[in-house]
Amino acid sequence: EIPENASVIDVGTGAGFPSVPLKLYRPDIKLTLLDSLNKRIIFLDSL
């Protein structure tokens, strides 16, 4: 269960899984992406 307009943090998101596809499917989600590798963060910002 993910309530409408839920705030979601994806911990160790890597290439954005599962939360970026989830955000595309459920645009109401308020998304935060966390990763320890800056190269992945650069990818996610651009994505």
All heavy atoms as atom14 arrays in JSON, in Angstrom:
{
  "sequence": "EIPENASVIDVGTGAGFPSVPLKLYRPDIKLTLLDSLNKRIIFLDSL",
  "atom14_mask": [
    [1, 1, 1, 1, 1, 1, 1, 1, 1, 0, 0, 0, 0, 0],
    [1, 1, 1, 1, 1, 1, 1, 1, 0, 0, 0, 0, 0, 0],
    [1, 1, 1, 1, 1, 1, 1, 0, 0, 0, 0, 0, 0, 0],
    [1, 1, 1, 1, 1, 1, 1, 1, 1, 0, 0, 0, 0, 0],
    [1, 1, 1, 1, 1, 1, 1, 1, 0, 0, 0, 0, 0, 0],
    [1, 1, 1, 1, 1, 0, 0, 0, 0, 0, 0, 0, 0, 0],
    [1, 1, 1, 1, 1, 1, 0, 0, 0, 0, 0, 0, 0, 0],
    [1, 1, 1, 1, 1, 1, 1, 0, 0, 0, 0, 0, 0, 0],
    [1, 1, 1, 1, 1, 1, 1, 1, 0, 0, 0, 0, 0, 0],
    [1, 1, 1, 1, 1, 1, 1, 1, 0, 0, 0, 0, 0, 0],
    [1, 1, 1, 1, 1, 1, 1, 0, 0, 0, 0, 0, 0, 0],
    [1, 1, 1, 1, 0, 0, 0, 0, 0, 0, 0, 0, 0, 0],
    [1, 1, 1, 1, 1, 1, 1, 0, 0, 0, 0, 0, 0, 0],
    [1, 1, 1, 1, 0, 0, 0, 0, 0, 0, 0, 0, 0, 0],
    [1, 1, 1, 1, 1, 0, 0, 0, 0, 0, 0, 0, 0, 0],
    [1, 1, 1, 1, 0, 0, 0, 0, 0, 0, 0, 0, 0, 0],
    [1, 1, 1, 1, 1, 1, 1, 1, 1, 1, 1, 0, 0, 0],
    [1, 1, 1, 1, 1, 1, 1, 0, 0, 0, 0, 0, 0, 0],
    [1, 1, 1, 1, 1, 1, 0, 0, 0, 0, 0, 0, 0, 0],
    [1, 1, 1, 1, 1, 1, 1, 0, 0, 0, 0, 0, 0, 0],
    [1, 1, 1, 1, 1, 1, 1, 0, 0, 0, 0, 0, 0, 0],
    [1, 1, 1, 1, 1, 1, 1, 1, 0, 0, 0, 0, 0, 0],
    [1, 1, 1, 1, 1, 1, 1, 1, 1, 0, 0, 0, 0, 0],
    [1, 1, 1, 1, 1, 1, 1, 1, 0, 0, 0, 0, 0, 0],
    [1, 1, 1, 1, 1, 1, 1, 1, 1, 1, 1, 1, 0, 0],
    [1, 1, 1, 1, 1, 1, 1, 1, 1, 1, 1, 0, 0, 0],
    [1, 1, 1, 1, 1, 1, 1, 0, 0, 0, 0, 0, 0, 0],
    [1, 1, 1, 1, 1, 1, 1, 1, 0, 0, 0, 0, 0, 0],
    [1, 1, 1, 1, 1, 1, 1, 1, 0, 0, 0, 0, 0, 0],
    [1, 1, 1, 1, 1, 1, 1, 1, 1, 0, 0, 0, 0, 0],
    [1, 1, 1, 1, 1, 1, 1, 1, 0, 0, 0, 0, 0, 0],
    [1, 1, 1, 1, 1, 1, 1, 0, 0, 0, 0, 0, 0, 0],
    [1, 1, 1, 1, 1, 1, 1, 1, 0, 0, 0, 0, 0, 0],
    [1, 1, 1, 1, 1, 1, 1, 1, 0, 0, 0, 0, 0, 0],
    [1, 1, 1, 1, 1, 1, 1, 1, 0, 0, 0, 0, 0, 0],
    [1, 1, 1, 1, 1, 1, 0, 0, 0, 0, 0, 0, 0, 0],
    [1, 1, 1, 1, 1, 1, 1, 1, 0, 0, 0, 0, 0, 0],
    [1, 1, 1, 1, 1, 1, 1, 1, 0, 0, 0, 0, 0, 0],
    [1, 1, 1, 1, 1, 1, 1, 1, 1, 0, 0, 0, 0, 0],
    [1, 1, 1, 1, 1, 1, 1, 1, 1, 1, 1, 0, 0, 0],
    [1, 1, 1, 1, 1, 1, 1, 1, 0, 0, 0, 0, 0, 0],
    [1, 1, 1, 1, 1, 1, 1, 1, 0, 0, 0, 0, 0, 0],
    [1, 1, 1, 1, 1, 1, 1, 1, 1, 1, 1, 0, 0, 0],
    [1, 1, 1, 1, 1, 1, 1, 1, 0, 0, 0, 0, 0, 0],
    [1, 1, 1, 1, 1, 1, 1, 1, 0, 0, 0, 0, 0, 0],
    [1, 1, 1, 1, 1, 1, 0, 0, 0, 0, 0, 0, 0, 0],
    [1, 1, 1, 1, 1, 1, 1, 1, 0, 0, 0, 0, 0, 0]
  ],
  "atom14_positions": [
    [[0.84, -1.2, 0.0], [0.0, 0.0, 0.0], [0.88, 1.26, 0.0], [1.69, 1.46, 0.9], [-0.9, 0.01, 1.23], [-1.84, 1.21, 1.28], [-2.65, 1.29, 2.56], [-2.58, 0.34, 3.37], [-3.35, 2.29, 2.75], [0.0, 0.0, 0.0], [0.0, 0.0, 0.0], [0.0, 0.0, 0.0], [0.0, 0.0, 0.0], [0.0, 0.0, 0.0]],
    [[0.71, 2.07, -1.01], [1.4, 3.36, -1.08], [0.33, 4.44, -1.21], [-0.28, 4.59, -2.27], [2.38, 3.41, -2.27], [3.43, 2.3, -2.12], [3.07, 4.78, -2.33], [4.45, 2.25, -3.24], [0.0, 0.0, 0.0], [0.0, 0.0, 0.0], [0.0, 0.0, 0.0], [0.0, 0.0, 0.0], [0.0, 0.0, 0.0], [0.0, 0.0, 0.0]],
    [[0.04, 5.16, -0.13], [-1.06, 6.13, -0.15], [-0.86, 7.21, -1.2], [0.27, 7.5, -1.63], [-1.03, 6.72, 1.27], [-0.28, 5.73, 2.1], [0.71, 5.1, 1.18], [0.0, 0.0, 0.0], [0.0, 0.0, 0.0], [0.0, 0.0, 0.0], [0.0, 0.0, 0.0], [0.0, 0.0, 0.0], [0.0, 0.0, 0.0], [0.0, 0.0, 0.0]],
    [[-1.96, 7.82, -1.61], [-1.88, 8.93, -2.57], [-1.05, 10.08, -1.97], [-1.16, 10.38, -0.79], [-3.29, 9.43, -2.91], [-3.32, 10.42, -4.05], [-4.73, 10.77, -4.48], [-5.69, 10.17, -3.96], [-4.87, 11.66, -5.35], [0.0, 0.0, 0.0], [0.0, 0.0, 0.0], [0.0, 0.0, 0.0], [0.0, 0.0, 0.0], [0.0, 0.0, 0.0]],
    [[-0.19, 10.65, -2.81], [0.69, 11.77, -2.42], [1.71, 11.37, -1.34], [2.22, 12.24, -0.62], [-0.12, 12.98, -1.95], [-1.0, 13.53, -3.05], [-0.58, 13.67, -4.19], [-2.26, 13.81, -2.73], [0.0, 0.0, 0.0], [0.0, 0.0, 0.0], [0.0, 0.0, 0.0], [0.0, 0.0, 0.0], [0.0, 0.0, 0.0], [0.0, 0.0, 0.0]],
    [[1.99, 10.1, -1.22], [2.94, 9.64, -0.21], [4.35, 10.17, -0.5], [4.75, 10.29, -1.66], [2.97, 8.11, -0.17], [0.0, 0.0, 0.0], [0.0, 0.0, 0.0], [0.0, 0.0, 0.0], [0.0, 0.0, 0.0], [0.0, 0.0, 0.0], [0.0, 0.0, 0.0], [0.0, 0.0, 0.0], [0.0, 0.0, 0.0], [0.0, 0.0, 0.0]],
    [[5.07, 10.47, 0.56], [6.49, 10.81, 0.43], [7.27, 9.5, 0.5], [7.11, 8.72, 1.44], [6.93, 11.77, 1.54], [6.59, 11.24, 2.83], [0.0, 0.0, 0.0], [0.0, 0.0, 0.0], [0.0, 0.0, 0.0], [0.0, 0.0, 0.0], [0.0, 0.0, 0.0], [0.0, 0.0, 0.0], [0.0, 0.0, 0.0], [0.0, 0.0, 0.0]],
    [[8.1, 9.27, -0.51], [8.81, 7.99, -0.66], [10.31, 8.26, -0.77], [10.73, 9.08, -1.59], [8.33, 7.24, -1.91], [9.14, 5.95, -2.11], [6.84, 6.92, -1.82], [0.0, 0.0, 0.0], [0.0, 0.0, 0.0], [0.0, 0.0, 0.0], [0.0, 0.0, 0.0], [0.0, 0.0, 0.0], [0.0, 0.0, 0.0], [0.0, 0.0, 0.0]],
    [[11.11, 7.56, 0.03], [12.56, 7.62, -0.13], [13.04, 6.24, -0.57], [12.69, 5.22, 0.02], [13.29, 8.08, 1.16], [14.8, 8.19, 0.9], [12.98, 7.19, 2.36], [15.57, 8.94, 1.98], [0.0, 0.0, 0.0], [0.0, 0.0, 0.0], [0.0, 0.0, 0.0], [0.0, 0.0, 0.0], [0.0, 0.0, 0.0], [0.0, 0.0, 0.0]],
    [[13.83, 6.22, -1.63], [14.41, 5.0, -2.16], [15.86, 4.95, -1.7], [16.69, 5.75, -2.13], [14.31, 5.02, -3.69], [14.73, 3.71, -4.34], [15.23, 2.83, -3.63], [14.55, 3.58, -5.56], [0.0, 0.0, 0.0], [0.0, 0.0, 0.0], [0.0, 0.0, 0.0], [0.0, 0.0, 0.0], [0.0, 0.0, 0.0], [0.0, 0.0, 0.0]],
    [[16.15, 4.01, -0.8], [17.46, 3.95, -0.13], [18.4, 3.03, -0.92], [18.09, 1.87, -1.15], [17.29, 3.45, 1.31], [18.65, 3.38, 2.01], [16.35, 4.37, 2.1], [0.0, 0.0, 0.0], [0.0, 0.0, 0.0], [0.0, 0.0, 0.0], [0.0, 0.0, 0.0], [0.0, 0.0, 0.0], [0.0, 0.0, 0.0], [0.0, 0.0, 0.0]],
    [[19.55, 3.6, -1.33], [20.47, 2.85, -2.17], [19.87, 2.59, -3.54], [19.91, 1.48, -4.07], [0.0, 0.0, 0.0], [0.0, 0.0, 0.0], [0.0, 0.0, 0.0], [0.0, 0.0, 0.0], [0.0, 0.0, 0.0], [0.0, 0.0, 0.0], [0.0, 0.0, 0.0], [0.0, 0.0, 0.0], [0.0, 0.0, 0.0], [0.0, 0.0, 0.0]],
    [[19.33, 3.63, -4.12], [18.5, 3.5, -5.32], [19.24, 3.05, -6.57], [18.65, 2.51, -7.49], [17.78, 4.84, -5.6], [16.92, 4.7, -6.73], [18.77, 5.97, -5.85], [0.0, 0.0, 0.0], [0.0, 0.0, 0.0], [0.0, 0.0, 0.0], [0.0, 0.0, 0.0], [0.0, 0.0, 0.0], [0.0, 0.0, 0.0], [0.0, 0.0, 0.0]],
    [[20.57, 3.27, -6.62], [21.32, 2.82, -7.79], [20.89, 3.53, -9.06], [21.0, 4.74, -9.18], [0.0, 0.0, 0.0], [0.0, 0.0, 0.0], [0.0, 0.0, 0.0], [0.0, 0.0, 0.0], [0.0, 0.0, 0.0], [0.0, 0.0, 0.0], [0.0, 0.0, 0.0], [0.0, 0.0, 0.0], [0.0, 0.0, 0.0], [0.0, 0.0, 0.0]],
    [[20.33, 2.77, -9.99], [19.88, 3.34, -11.26], [18.43, 3.81, -11.2], [17.81, 4.09, -12.24], [20.04, 2.31, -12.37], [0.0, 0.0, 0.0], [0.0, 0.0, 0.0], [0.0, 0.0, 0.0], [0.0, 0.0, 0.0], [0.0, 0.0, 0.0], [0.0, 0.0, 0.0], [0.0, 0.0, 0.0], [0.0, 0.0, 0.0], [0.0, 0.0, 0.0]],
    [[17.88, 3.9, -9.99], [16.52, 4.43, -9.82], [15.45, 3.39, -9.6], [14.26, 3.68, -9.72], [0.0, 0.0, 0.0], [0.0, 0.0, 0.0], [0.0, 0.0, 0.0], [0.0, 0.0, 0.0], [0.0, 0.0, 0.0], [0.0, 0.0, 0.0], [0.0, 0.0, 0.0], [0.0, 0.0, 0.0], [0.0, 0.0, 0.0], [0.0, 0.0, 0.0]],
    [[15.87, 2.17, -9.24], [14.89, 1.09, -9.04], [14.71, 0.82, -7.55], [15.7, 0.71, -6.83], [15.36, -0.18, -9.75], [15.65, 0.03, -11.21], [16.91, -0.26, -11.72], [14.69, 0.55, -12.06], [17.2, -0.07, -13.06], [14.98, 0.76, -13.41], [16.23, 0.45, -13.91], [0.0, 0.0, 0.0], [0.0, 0.0, 0.0], [0.0, 0.0, 0.0]],
    [[13.46, 0.71, -7.09], [12.22, 0.67, -7.86], [11.53, 2.01, -8.08], [10.52, 2.07, -8.77], [11.33, -0.21, -6.97], [11.73, 0.19, -5.57], [13.23, 0.41, -5.65], [0.0, 0.0, 0.0], [0.0, 0.0, 0.0], [0.0, 0.0, 0.0], [0.0, 0.0, 0.0], [0.0, 0.0, 0.0], [0.0, 0.0, 0.0], [0.0, 0.0, 0.0]],
    [[12.03, 3.08, -7.51], [11.18, 4.25, -7.33], [10.95, 5.12, -8.56], [9.91, 5.77, -8.67], [11.74, 5.12, -6.2], [13.02, 5.58, -6.53], [0.0, 0.0, 0.0], [0.0, 0.0, 0.0], [0.0, 0.0, 0.0], [0.0, 0.0, 0.0], [0.0, 0.0, 0.0], [0.0, 0.0, 0.0], [0.0, 0.0, 0.0], [0.0, 0.0, 0.0]],
    [[11.89, 5.18, -9.5], [11.66, 6.02, -10.68], [10.57, 5.43, -11.58], [9.64, 6.16, -11.99], [12.97, 6.31, -11.44], [12.67, 7.06, -12.73], [13.92, 7.13, -10.57], [0.0, 0.0, 0.0], [0.0, 0.0, 0.0], [0.0, 0.0, 0.0], [0.0, 0.0, 0.0], [0.0, 0.0, 0.0], [0.0, 0.0, 0.0], [0.0, 0.0, 0.0]],
    [[10.6, 4.13, -11.91], [9.45, 3.57, -12.62], [8.14, 3.74, -11.85], [7.08, 3.99, -12.43], [9.81, 2.09, -12.79], [11.29, 2.07, -12.76], [11.68, 3.13, -11.77], [0.0, 0.0, 0.0], [0.0, 0.0, 0.0], [0.0, 0.0, 0.0], [0.0, 0.0, 0.0], [0.0, 0.0, 0.0], [0.0, 0.0, 0.0], [0.0, 0.0, 0.0]],
    [[8.22, 3.62, -10.53], [7.05, 3.81, -9.68], [6.5, 5.23, -9.8], [5.29, 5.45, -9.9], [7.44, 3.52, -8.23], [6.36, 3.12, -7.25], [5.65, 1.85, -7.68], [6.97, 2.94, -5.87], [0.0, 0.0, 0.0], [0.0, 0.0, 0.0], [0.0, 0.0, 0.0], [0.0, 0.0, 0.0], [0.0, 0.0, 0.0], [0.0, 0.0, 0.0]],
    [[7.39, 6.21, -9.81], [7.0, 7.61, -9.95], [6.36, 7.86, -11.33], [5.4, 8.63, -11.44], [8.24, 8.5, -9.76], [8.06, 9.97, -10.11], [7.22, 10.72, -9.1], [7.22, 12.23, -9.4], [6.3, 12.97, -8.52], [0.0, 0.0, 0.0], [0.0, 0.0, 0.0], [0.0, 0.0, 0.0], [0.0, 0.0, 0.0], [0.0, 0.0, 0.0]],
    [[6.88, 7.21, -12.36], [6.28, 7.36, -13.69], [4.88, 6.75, -13.72], [3.99, 7.28, -14.38], [7.18, 6.69, -14.75], [8.52, 7.36, -15.01], [9.38, 6.5, -15.92], [8.33, 8.75, -15.62], [0.0, 0.0, 0.0], [0.0, 0.0, 0.0], [0.0, 0.0, 0.0], [0.0, 0.0, 0.0], [0.0, 0.0, 0.0], [0.0, 0.0, 0.0]],
    [[4.69, 5.66, -13.0], [3.39, 5.0, -12.96], [2.43, 5.7, -12.0], [1.22, 5.73, -12.25], [3.59, 3.55, -12.52], [2.4, 2.65, -12.78], [2.15, 2.17, -14.06], [1.55, 2.27, -11.75], [1.07, 1.33, -14.31], [0.47, 1.43, -11.99], [0.23, 0.97, -13.27], [-0.84, 0.13, -13.51], [0.0, 0.0, 0.0], [0.0, 0.0, 0.0]],
    [[2.99, 6.26, -10.93], [2.2, 6.97, -9.92], [2.78, 8.37, -9.73], [3.54, 8.63, -8.79], [2.27, 6.2, -8.59], [1.42, 4.94, -8.5], [-0.01, 5.26, -8.06], [-0.02, 6.09, -6.85], [0.01, 5.61, -5.59], [0.03, 4.3, -5.39], [-0.01, 6.42, -4.55], [0.0, 0.0, 0.0], [0.0, 0.0, 0.0], [0.0, 0.0, 0.0]],
    [[2.43, 9.31, -10.61], [3.02, 10.66, -10.56], [2.74, 11.41, -9.26], [3.43, 12.39, -8.96], [2.37, 11.37, -11.76], [1.94, 10.27, -12.68], [1.56, 9.15, -11.79], [0.0, 0.0, 0.0], [0.0, 0.0, 0.0], [0.0, 0.0, 0.0], [0.0, 0.0, 0.0], [0.0, 0.0, 0.0], [0.0, 0.0, 0.0], [0.0, 0.0, 0.0]],
    [[1.73, 10.98, -8.49], [1.39, 11.67, -7.25], [2.46, 11.51, -6.18], [2.54, 12.32, -5.25], [0.06, 11.14, -6.7], [0.1, 9.64, -6.42], [0.11, 8.86, -7.39], [0.15, 9.24, -5.23], [0.0, 0.0, 0.0], [0.0, 0.0, 0.0], [0.0, 0.0, 0.0], [0.0, 0.0, 0.0], [0.0, 0.0, 0.0], [0.0, 0.0, 0.0]],
    [[3.3, 10.49, -6.3], [4.32, 10.21, -5.27], [5.34, 11.34, -5.2], [5.79, 11.87, -6.21], [5.03, 8.88, -5.59], [4.09, 7.69, -5.35], [6.31, 8.72, -4.77], [4.63, 6.37, -5.87], [0.0, 0.0, 0.0], [0.0, 0.0, 0.0], [0.0, 0.0, 0.0], [0.0, 0.0, 0.0], [0.0, 0.0, 0.0], [0.0, 0.0, 0.0]],
    [[5.69, 11.72, -3.97], [6.75, 12.72, -3.74], [8.05, 11.94, -3.48], [8.18, 11.29, -2.45], [6.4, 13.61, -2.56], [5.11, 14.41, -2.76], [4.8, 15.24, -1.52], [3.53, 16.05, -1.71], [2.31, 15.21, -1.78], [0.0, 0.0, 0.0], [0.0, 0.0, 0.0], [0.0, 0.0, 0.0], [0.0, 0.0, 0.0], [0.0, 0.0, 0.0]],
    [[8.99, 12.04, -4.41], [10.1, 11.1, -4.45], [11.42, 11.71, -3.99], [11.78, 12.81, -4.38], [10.26, 10.57, -5.89], [11.38, 9.56, -6.13], [11.2, 8.33, -5.26], [11.42, 9.18, -7.61], [0.0, 0.0, 0.0], [0.0, 0.0, 0.0], [0.0, 0.0, 0.0], [0.0, 0.0, 0.0], [0.0, 0.0, 0.0], [0.0, 0.0, 0.0]],
    [[12.15, 10.94, -3.18], [13.52, 11.25, -2.8], [14.39, 10.04, -3.11], [14.04, 8.9, -2.77], [13.62, 11.58, -1.29], [12.82, 12.75, -1.02], [15.05, 11.86, -0.89], [0.0, 0.0, 0.0], [0.0, 0.0, 0.0], [0.0, 0.0, 0.0], [0.0, 0.0, 0.0], [0.0, 0.0, 0.0], [0.0, 0.0, 0.0], [0.0, 0.0, 0.0]],
    [[15.53, 10.29, -3.78], [16.44, 9.24, -4.2], [17.76, 9.38, -3.45], [18.38, 10.45, -3.49], [16.71, 9.34, -5.71], [15.48, 9.24, -6.61], [15.79, 9.81, -7.99], [15.03, 7.8, -6.73], [0.0, 0.0, 0.0], [0.0, 0.0, 0.0], [0.0, 0.0, 0.0], [0.0, 0.0, 0.0], [0.0, 0.0, 0.0], [0.0, 0.0, 0.0]],
    [[18.18, 8.33, -2.77], [19.42, 8.39, -1.98], [20.39, 7.33, -2.48], [20.03, 6.17, -2.64], [19.11, 8.16, -0.5], [20.3, 8.25, 0.46], [19.87, 8.84, 1.8], [20.95, 6.88, 0.7], [0.0, 0.0, 0.0], [0.0, 0.0, 0.0], [0.0, 0.0, 0.0], [0.0, 0.0, 0.0], [0.0, 0.0, 0.0], [0.0, 0.0, 0.0]],
    [[21.63, 7.77, -2.71], [22.68, 6.82, -3.08], [24.04, 7.36, -2.61], [24.25, 8.57, -2.58], [22.71, 6.57, -4.59], [23.4, 5.26, -4.93], [22.71, 4.22, -5.0], [24.63, 5.25, -5.12], [0.0, 0.0, 0.0], [0.0, 0.0, 0.0], [0.0, 0.0, 0.0], [0.0, 0.0, 0.0], [0.0, 0.0, 0.0], [0.0, 0.0, 0.0]],
    [[24.93, 6.44, -2.3], [26.24, 6.83, -1.76], [27.25, 7.16, -2.85], [28.31, 7.72, -2.57], [26.8, 5.72, -0.88], [26.98, 4.53, -1.63], [0.0, 0.0, 0.0], [0.0, 0.0, 0.0], [0.0, 0.0, 0.0], [0.0, 0.0, 0.0], [0.0, 0.0, 0.0], [0.0, 0.0, 0.0], [0.0, 0.0, 0.0], [0.0, 0.0, 0.0]],
    [[26.95, 6.81, -4.11], [27.89, 7.04, -5.21], [27.45, 8.25, -6.03], [26.37, 8.25, -6.61], [27.97, 5.8, -6.11], [29.05, 5.82, -7.2], [30.44, 5.86, -6.58], [28.92, 4.59, -8.1], [0.0, 0.0, 0.0], [0.0, 0.0, 0.0], [0.0, 0.0, 0.0], [0.0, 0.0, 0.0], [0.0, 0.0, 0.0], [0.0, 0.0, 0.0]],
    [[28.29, 9.27, -6.09], [27.91, 10.51, -6.76], [27.67, 10.32, -8.26], [26.84, 11.01, -8.85], [28.97, 11.59, -6.54], [28.46, 12.97, -6.87], [27.36, 13.34, -6.47], [29.23, 13.74, -7.61], [0.0, 0.0, 0.0], [0.0, 0.0, 0.0], [0.0, 0.0, 0.0], [0.0, 0.0, 0.0], [0.0, 0.0, 0.0], [0.0, 0.0, 0.0]],
    [[28.38, 9.37, -8.88], [28.17, 9.12, -10.31], [26.74, 8.67, -10.57], [26.16, 8.98, -11.62], [29.15, 8.06, -10.81], [30.59, 8.56, -10.92], [31.52, 7.47, -11.44], [32.94, 7.98, -11.55], [33.88, 6.92, -12.03], [0.0, 0.0, 0.0], [0.0, 0.0, 0.0], [0.0, 0.0, 0.0], [0.0, 0.0, 0.0], [0.0, 0.0, 0.0]],
    [[26.17, 7.93, -9.64], [24.77, 7.51, -9.8], [23.83, 8.7, -9.59], [22.82, 8.82, -10.28], [24.44, 6.39, -8.82], [25.18, 5.09, -9.09], [24.59, 3.94, -8.28], [25.49, 2.79, -8.28], [26.1, 2.31, -7.21], [25.9, 2.87, -6.03], [26.88, 1.25, -7.3], [0.0, 0.0, 0.0], [0.0, 0.0, 0.0], [0.0, 0.0, 0.0]],
    [[24.15, 9.56, -8.65], [23.32, 10.74, -8.41], [23.32, 11.65, -9.64], [22.27, 12.19, -10.03], [23.81, 11.51, -7.16], [23.59, 10.68, -5.9], [23.12, 12.86, -7.04], [22.14, 10.38, -5.57], [0.0, 0.0, 0.0], [0.0, 0.0, 0.0], [0.0, 0.0, 0.0], [0.0, 0.0, 0.0], [0.0, 0.0, 0.0], [0.0, 0.0, 0.0]],
    [[24.47, 11.82, -10.27], [24.55, 12.61, -11.51], [23.65, 11.99, -12.58], [22.9, 12.69, -13.28], [26.01, 12.7, -12.0], [26.83, 13.54, -11.01], [26.08, 13.31, -13.4], [28.33, 13.46, -11.25], [0.0, 0.0, 0.0], [0.0, 0.0, 0.0], [0.0, 0.0, 0.0], [0.0, 0.0, 0.0], [0.0, 0.0, 0.0], [0.0, 0.0, 0.0]],
    [[23.7, 10.66, -12.71], [22.82, 9.97, -13.65], [21.35, 10.23, -13.32], [20.54, 10.53, -14.21], [23.1, 8.46, -13.62], [22.03, 7.62, -14.25], [21.93, 7.53, -15.63], [21.12, 6.92, -13.47], [20.93, 6.76, -16.23], [20.12, 6.14, -14.05], [20.03, 6.07, -15.44], [0.0, 0.0, 0.0], [0.0, 0.0, 0.0], [0.0, 0.0, 0.0]],
    [[20.99, 10.1, -12.05], [19.59, 10.26, -11.65], [19.08, 11.68, -11.87], [17.94, 11.87, -12.3], [19.43, 9.85, -10.18], [19.65, 8.37, -9.89], [19.81, 8.14, -8.39], [18.52, 7.53, -10.45], [0.0, 0.0, 0.0], [0.0, 0.0, 0.0], [0.0, 0.0, 0.0], [0.0, 0.0, 0.0], [0.0, 0.0, 0.0], [0.0, 0.0, 0.0]],
    [[19.91, 12.67, -11.58], [19.52, 14.06, -11.84], [19.23, 14.27, -13.33], [18.22, 14.88, -13.71], [20.62, 15.02, -11.38], [20.65, 15.22, -9.87], [19.59, 15.06, -9.24], [21.73, 15.52, -9.33], [0.0, 0.0, 0.0], [0.0, 0.0, 0.0], [0.0, 0.0, 0.0], [0.0, 0.0, 0.0], [0.0, 0.0, 0.0], [0.0, 0.0, 0.0]],
    [[20.12, 13.77, -14.16], [19.95, 13.9, -15.6], [18.74, 13.1, -16.08], [17.97, 13.56, -16.93], [21.22, 13.43, -16.31], [21.09, 13.56, -17.7], [0.0, 0.0, 0.0], [0.0, 0.0, 0.0], [0.0, 0.0, 0.0], [0.0, 0.0, 0.0], [0.0, 0.0, 0.0], [0.0, 0.0, 0.0], [0.0, 0.0, 0.0], [0.0, 0.0, 0.0]],
    [[18.56, 11.9, -15.54], [17.42, 11.06, -15.91], [16.1, 11.74, -15.59], [15.19, 11.78, -16.44], [17.51, 9.73, -15.17], [16.32, 8.77, -15.34], [16.23, 8.27, -16.77], [16.42, 7.61, -14.35], [0.0, 0.0, 0.0], [0.0, 0.0, 0.0], [0.0, 0.0, 0.0], [0.0, 0.0, 0.0], [0.0, 0.0, 0.0], [0.0, 0.0, 0.0]]
  ]
}
